[in-house]
Amino acid sequence: MANKFGGFGGGMPNMQNLMKQAQMMQEKVALAQEELENLELTASSGGGAVEIVITGQKVIRSIKIDPKVVDPDDVEMLEDLIIAACNEAFELAEKAHNEKMGPLTGGIF
C-alpha cells in the first residue's frame, strides 16, 4: 500500500548513502579544482607581442612582452595589447573551468 507521500515502504532515503554520495561529489570537485589550479593556458595578442600564461583558476602566472612593442611614445598601444591578451586568457580559463566543473556541479560553480 502506498504511504501518504506516494511511495511504498520505509520512508526516508538512506542517509548513509546520501552522505557517501555527497562525499564522493566533494572529492571529485576538489580534484577538478586542483586540476584547474595546475592547468596553464597561454593567450597572446599583437601576433605574439604580448603573451599571458594563466591557470584554470584565473591566476596570471606570467606576462611576456616583446621589447619591440615597448614604445615610450605609444604606451596606449601596449596597454591595449595587454588588455586584449588578458581578456583572451580569462576567456580560456573560464572555458576550462566550465568544462571541468560544469558536469560535476550542474553549472552551480
N, C-alpha and C. Protein backbone atom coordinates (compact mmCIF):
# COMPACT_ATOMS: atom_id res chain seq x y z
N MET A 1 0.84 -1.18 0.00
CA MET A 1 0.00 0.00 0.00
C MET A 1 0.89 1.25 0.00
N ALA A 2 0.52 2.24 -0.74
CA ALA A 2 1.30 3.47 -0.82
C ALA A 2 1.14 4.28 0.45
N ASN A 3 2.26 4.95 0.85
CA ASN A 3 2.16 5.83 2.01
C ASN A 3 1.65 7.20 1.57
N LYS A 4 1.49 8.14 2.52
CA LYS A 4 0.89 9.44 2.18
C LYS A 4 1.78 10.30 1.28
N PHE A 5 3.05 9.89 1.09
CA PHE A 5 3.96 10.64 0.23
C PHE A 5 4.04 10.06 -1.18
N GLY A 6 3.21 9.06 -1.45
CA GLY A 6 3.16 8.48 -2.78
C GLY A 6 4.13 7.34 -2.98
N GLY A 7 4.93 7.03 -1.96
CA GLY A 7 5.90 5.94 -2.09
C GLY A 7 5.44 4.72 -1.34
N PHE A 8 6.23 3.72 -1.42
CA PHE A 8 5.93 2.48 -0.71
C PHE A 8 7.01 2.23 0.32
N GLY A 9 6.64 1.68 1.43
CA GLY A 9 7.60 1.16 2.39
C GLY A 9 8.26 2.20 3.25
N GLY A 10 9.57 2.04 3.46
CA GLY A 10 10.39 2.60 4.51
C GLY A 10 10.43 4.09 4.75
N GLY A 11 10.06 4.95 3.90
CA GLY A 11 10.07 6.37 4.22
C GLY A 11 11.32 7.08 3.71
N MET A 12 12.12 7.66 4.63
CA MET A 12 13.27 8.50 4.28
C MET A 12 14.34 7.70 3.52
N PRO A 13 15.01 8.37 2.57
CA PRO A 13 16.10 7.70 1.85
C PRO A 13 17.23 7.37 2.83
N ASN A 14 18.04 6.46 2.46
CA ASN A 14 19.15 6.03 3.29
C ASN A 14 20.14 7.19 3.45
N MET A 15 20.20 7.77 4.65
CA MET A 15 21.06 8.94 4.90
C MET A 15 22.53 8.59 4.73
N GLN A 16 22.91 7.39 5.08
CA GLN A 16 24.30 6.98 4.95
C GLN A 16 24.70 6.99 3.47
N ASN A 17 23.79 6.53 2.61
CA ASN A 17 24.05 6.52 1.18
C ASN A 17 24.15 7.95 0.64
N LEU A 18 23.29 8.82 1.10
CA LEU A 18 23.34 10.23 0.67
C LEU A 18 24.64 10.89 1.10
N MET A 19 25.08 10.61 2.32
CA MET A 19 26.33 11.17 2.82
C MET A 19 27.52 10.66 2.01
N LYS A 20 27.48 9.40 1.64
CA LYS A 20 28.55 8.80 0.84
C LYS A 20 28.60 9.47 -0.54
N GLN A 21 27.44 9.69 -1.14
CA GLN A 21 27.38 10.35 -2.45
C GLN A 21 27.89 11.79 -2.35
N ALA A 22 27.52 12.48 -1.28
CA ALA A 22 27.98 13.86 -1.09
C ALA A 22 29.50 13.90 -0.93
N GLN A 23 30.06 12.97 -0.19
CA GLN A 23 31.50 12.92 0.00
C GLN A 23 32.20 12.63 -1.32
N MET A 24 31.66 11.72 -2.12
CA MET A 24 32.25 11.42 -3.42
C MET A 24 32.22 12.65 -4.33
N MET A 25 31.11 13.37 -4.29
CA MET A 25 30.99 14.59 -5.10
C MET A 25 32.01 15.63 -4.65
N GLN A 26 32.17 15.76 -3.34
CA GLN A 26 33.14 16.70 -2.79
C GLN A 26 34.55 16.35 -3.26
N GLU A 27 34.88 15.09 -3.25
CA GLU A 27 36.21 14.65 -3.69
C GLU A 27 36.42 14.94 -5.17
N LYS A 28 35.39 14.72 -5.98
CA LYS A 28 35.51 14.99 -7.41
C LYS A 28 35.69 16.48 -7.68
N VAL A 29 34.95 17.31 -6.94
CA VAL A 29 35.07 18.76 -7.10
C VAL A 29 36.46 19.22 -6.68
N ALA A 30 36.97 18.70 -5.56
CA ALA A 30 38.31 19.07 -5.09
C ALA A 30 39.37 18.68 -6.11
N LEU A 31 39.23 17.50 -6.71
CA LEU A 31 40.18 17.05 -7.72
C LEU A 31 40.12 17.95 -8.95
N ALA A 32 38.93 18.30 -9.39
CA ALA A 32 38.77 19.19 -10.55
C ALA A 32 39.37 20.56 -10.26
N GLN A 33 39.18 21.07 -9.03
CA GLN A 33 39.76 22.37 -8.67
C GLN A 33 41.28 22.31 -8.68
N GLU A 34 41.83 21.21 -8.20
CA GLU A 34 43.29 21.04 -8.22
C GLU A 34 43.81 20.98 -9.64
N GLU A 35 43.10 20.26 -10.50
CA GLU A 35 43.49 20.18 -11.91
C GLU A 35 43.47 21.57 -12.56
N LEU A 36 42.45 22.36 -12.25
CA LEU A 36 42.35 23.71 -12.80
C LEU A 36 43.48 24.60 -12.28
N GLU A 37 43.84 24.41 -11.02
CA GLU A 37 44.93 25.20 -10.44
C GLU A 37 46.25 24.89 -11.13
N ASN A 38 46.45 23.64 -11.53
CA ASN A 38 47.70 23.24 -12.17
C ASN A 38 47.69 23.43 -13.69
N LEU A 39 46.52 23.64 -14.26
CA LEU A 39 46.39 23.84 -15.70
C LEU A 39 46.92 25.22 -16.08
N GLU A 40 47.79 25.27 -17.08
CA GLU A 40 48.29 26.56 -17.56
C GLU A 40 47.81 26.77 -18.99
N LEU A 41 47.23 27.93 -19.22
CA LEU A 41 46.70 28.30 -20.53
C LEU A 41 47.47 29.53 -21.01
N THR A 42 47.74 29.58 -22.30
CA THR A 42 48.50 30.70 -22.85
C THR A 42 47.64 31.45 -23.86
N ALA A 43 47.63 32.77 -23.72
CA ALA A 43 46.92 33.63 -24.66
C ALA A 43 47.88 34.72 -25.10
N SER A 44 47.64 35.23 -26.30
CA SER A 44 48.53 36.29 -26.79
C SER A 44 47.75 37.30 -27.61
N SER A 45 48.40 38.43 -27.86
CA SER A 45 47.82 39.45 -28.72
C SER A 45 48.95 40.10 -29.51
N GLY A 46 48.57 40.85 -30.51
CA GLY A 46 49.57 41.53 -31.33
C GLY A 46 50.50 40.57 -32.04
N GLY A 47 49.94 39.44 -32.47
CA GLY A 47 50.78 38.45 -33.18
C GLY A 47 51.86 37.86 -32.29
N GLY A 48 51.57 37.76 -30.99
CA GLY A 48 52.54 37.19 -30.05
C GLY A 48 53.38 38.24 -29.34
N ALA A 49 53.10 39.51 -29.59
CA ALA A 49 53.88 40.57 -28.95
C ALA A 49 53.67 40.59 -27.43
N VAL A 50 52.48 40.22 -26.99
CA VAL A 50 52.17 40.11 -25.57
C VAL A 50 51.62 38.71 -25.35
N GLU A 51 52.20 38.01 -24.37
CA GLU A 51 51.77 36.65 -24.07
C GLU A 51 51.47 36.54 -22.57
N ILE A 52 50.31 35.97 -22.27
CA ILE A 52 49.86 35.79 -20.89
C ILE A 52 49.73 34.30 -20.62
N VAL A 53 50.24 33.86 -19.48
CA VAL A 53 50.03 32.48 -19.01
C VAL A 53 49.16 32.59 -17.77
N ILE A 54 48.04 31.86 -17.79
CA ILE A 54 47.05 31.92 -16.71
C ILE A 54 46.68 30.50 -16.31
N THR A 55 46.29 30.32 -15.06
CA THR A 55 45.84 29.00 -14.63
C THR A 55 44.35 28.86 -14.91
N GLY A 56 43.86 27.63 -14.79
CA GLY A 56 42.43 27.39 -14.93
C GLY A 56 41.62 28.02 -13.81
N GLN A 57 42.30 28.47 -12.75
CA GLN A 57 41.63 29.16 -11.64
C GLN A 57 41.73 30.68 -11.80
N LYS A 58 42.14 31.12 -12.99
CA LYS A 58 42.20 32.54 -13.35
C LYS A 58 43.25 33.33 -12.57
N VAL A 59 44.40 32.68 -12.34
CA VAL A 59 45.53 33.35 -11.70
C VAL A 59 46.59 33.54 -12.78
N ILE A 60 47.00 34.78 -13.01
CA ILE A 60 48.02 35.06 -14.03
C ILE A 60 49.37 34.60 -13.48
N ARG A 61 50.04 33.74 -14.24
CA ARG A 61 51.35 33.23 -13.84
C ARG A 61 52.48 34.05 -14.43
N SER A 62 52.29 34.52 -15.66
CA SER A 62 53.36 35.32 -16.26
C SER A 62 52.81 36.18 -17.40
N ILE A 63 53.54 37.25 -17.66
CA ILE A 63 53.26 38.12 -18.80
C ILE A 63 54.60 38.36 -19.49
N LYS A 64 54.64 38.10 -20.79
CA LYS A 64 55.86 38.36 -21.57
C LYS A 64 55.53 39.41 -22.61
N ILE A 65 56.42 40.38 -22.72
CA ILE A 65 56.21 41.47 -23.68
C ILE A 65 57.45 41.55 -24.57
N ASP A 66 57.22 41.48 -25.87
CA ASP A 66 58.30 41.62 -26.83
C ASP A 66 58.82 43.05 -26.75
N PRO A 67 60.11 43.23 -26.52
CA PRO A 67 60.66 44.58 -26.39
C PRO A 67 60.39 45.48 -27.59
N LYS A 68 60.14 44.89 -28.75
CA LYS A 68 59.87 45.68 -29.95
C LYS A 68 58.58 46.50 -29.84
N VAL A 69 57.65 46.07 -28.96
CA VAL A 69 56.39 46.80 -28.85
C VAL A 69 56.41 47.81 -27.71
N VAL A 70 57.54 47.93 -27.05
CA VAL A 70 57.66 48.91 -25.97
C VAL A 70 58.13 50.23 -26.59
N ASP A 71 57.17 51.10 -26.84
CA ASP A 71 57.44 52.40 -27.45
C ASP A 71 56.99 53.47 -26.46
N PRO A 72 57.92 54.21 -25.88
CA PRO A 72 57.53 55.23 -24.89
C PRO A 72 56.58 56.28 -25.45
N ASP A 73 56.56 56.42 -26.77
CA ASP A 73 55.66 57.40 -27.38
C ASP A 73 54.28 56.82 -27.66
N ASP A 74 54.11 55.49 -27.46
CA ASP A 74 52.81 54.86 -27.73
C ASP A 74 52.50 53.82 -26.65
N VAL A 75 52.47 54.26 -25.41
CA VAL A 75 52.18 53.38 -24.28
C VAL A 75 50.75 52.84 -24.40
N GLU A 76 49.86 53.61 -24.95
CA GLU A 76 48.47 53.19 -25.08
C GLU A 76 48.33 51.91 -25.89
N MET A 77 49.14 51.77 -26.96
CA MET A 77 49.07 50.55 -27.76
C MET A 77 49.49 49.33 -26.92
N LEU A 78 50.54 49.46 -26.14
CA LEU A 78 51.00 48.37 -25.28
C LEU A 78 49.93 48.03 -24.25
N GLU A 79 49.30 49.02 -23.68
CA GLU A 79 48.22 48.79 -22.72
C GLU A 79 47.08 48.01 -23.38
N ASP A 80 46.73 48.39 -24.60
CA ASP A 80 45.66 47.70 -25.33
C ASP A 80 46.03 46.24 -25.61
N LEU A 81 47.29 46.00 -25.96
CA LEU A 81 47.74 44.63 -26.21
C LEU A 81 47.67 43.78 -24.94
N ILE A 82 48.05 44.37 -23.82
CA ILE A 82 47.99 43.64 -22.54
C ILE A 82 46.54 43.32 -22.18
N ILE A 83 45.67 44.29 -22.34
CA ILE A 83 44.25 44.08 -22.03
C ILE A 83 43.68 42.98 -22.92
N ALA A 84 43.99 43.03 -24.21
CA ALA A 84 43.48 42.02 -25.15
C ALA A 84 43.97 40.62 -24.77
N ALA A 85 45.24 40.50 -24.43
CA ALA A 85 45.79 39.19 -24.06
C ALA A 85 45.18 38.70 -22.75
N CYS A 86 45.01 39.59 -21.78
CA CYS A 86 44.39 39.21 -20.51
C CYS A 86 42.95 38.75 -20.72
N ASN A 87 42.20 39.48 -21.51
CA ASN A 87 40.81 39.09 -21.77
C ASN A 87 40.73 37.73 -22.45
N GLU A 88 41.61 37.48 -23.40
CA GLU A 88 41.63 36.18 -24.06
C GLU A 88 41.99 35.07 -23.05
N ALA A 89 42.97 35.35 -22.20
CA ALA A 89 43.39 34.37 -21.19
C ALA A 89 42.25 34.05 -20.23
N PHE A 90 41.53 35.07 -19.78
CA PHE A 90 40.41 34.84 -18.88
C PHE A 90 39.28 34.05 -19.56
N GLU A 91 39.07 34.29 -20.84
CA GLU A 91 38.07 33.51 -21.57
C GLU A 91 38.49 32.04 -21.64
N LEU A 92 39.77 31.78 -21.90
CA LEU A 92 40.26 30.41 -21.93
C LEU A 92 40.10 29.73 -20.57
N ALA A 93 40.42 30.47 -19.51
CA ALA A 93 40.30 29.92 -18.16
C ALA A 93 38.84 29.64 -17.82
N GLU A 94 37.94 30.52 -18.21
CA GLU A 94 36.51 30.33 -17.95
C GLU A 94 36.00 29.09 -18.67
N LYS A 95 36.44 28.91 -19.91
CA LYS A 95 36.03 27.74 -20.68
C LYS A 95 36.54 26.46 -20.02
N ALA A 96 37.81 26.47 -19.60
CA ALA A 96 38.38 25.29 -18.94
C ALA A 96 37.65 25.00 -17.63
N HIS A 97 37.34 26.06 -16.90
CA HIS A 97 36.61 25.91 -15.63
C HIS A 97 35.24 25.29 -15.86
N ASN A 98 34.52 25.79 -16.85
CA ASN A 98 33.19 25.26 -17.16
C ASN A 98 33.25 23.80 -17.62
N GLU A 99 34.28 23.46 -18.39
CA GLU A 99 34.42 22.09 -18.85
C GLU A 99 34.70 21.12 -17.71
N LYS A 100 35.51 21.55 -16.72
CA LYS A 100 35.84 20.69 -15.60
C LYS A 100 34.75 20.64 -14.54
N MET A 101 34.21 21.79 -14.20
CA MET A 101 33.29 21.88 -13.07
C MET A 101 31.83 21.69 -13.47
N GLY A 102 31.46 22.08 -14.68
CA GLY A 102 30.08 22.01 -15.12
C GLY A 102 29.43 20.64 -14.94
N PRO A 103 30.09 19.59 -15.43
CA PRO A 103 29.48 18.26 -15.28
C PRO A 103 29.35 17.82 -13.82
N LEU A 104 30.21 18.33 -12.96
CA LEU A 104 30.19 17.92 -11.55
C LEU A 104 29.18 18.69 -10.73
N THR A 105 28.97 19.94 -11.09
CA THR A 105 28.15 20.81 -10.26
C THR A 105 26.85 21.22 -10.91
N GLY A 106 26.62 20.79 -12.12
CA GLY A 106 25.40 21.19 -12.82
C GLY A 106 25.36 22.68 -13.09
N GLY A 107 26.54 23.32 -13.22
CA GLY A 107 26.60 24.75 -13.52
C GLY A 107 26.52 25.66 -12.31
N ILE A 108 26.51 25.10 -11.11
CA ILE A 108 26.43 25.93 -9.90
C ILE A 108 27.71 26.75 -9.74
N PHE A 109 28.87 26.15 -10.04
CA PHE A 109 30.17 26.84 -9.89
C PHE A 109 30.67 27.31 -11.21
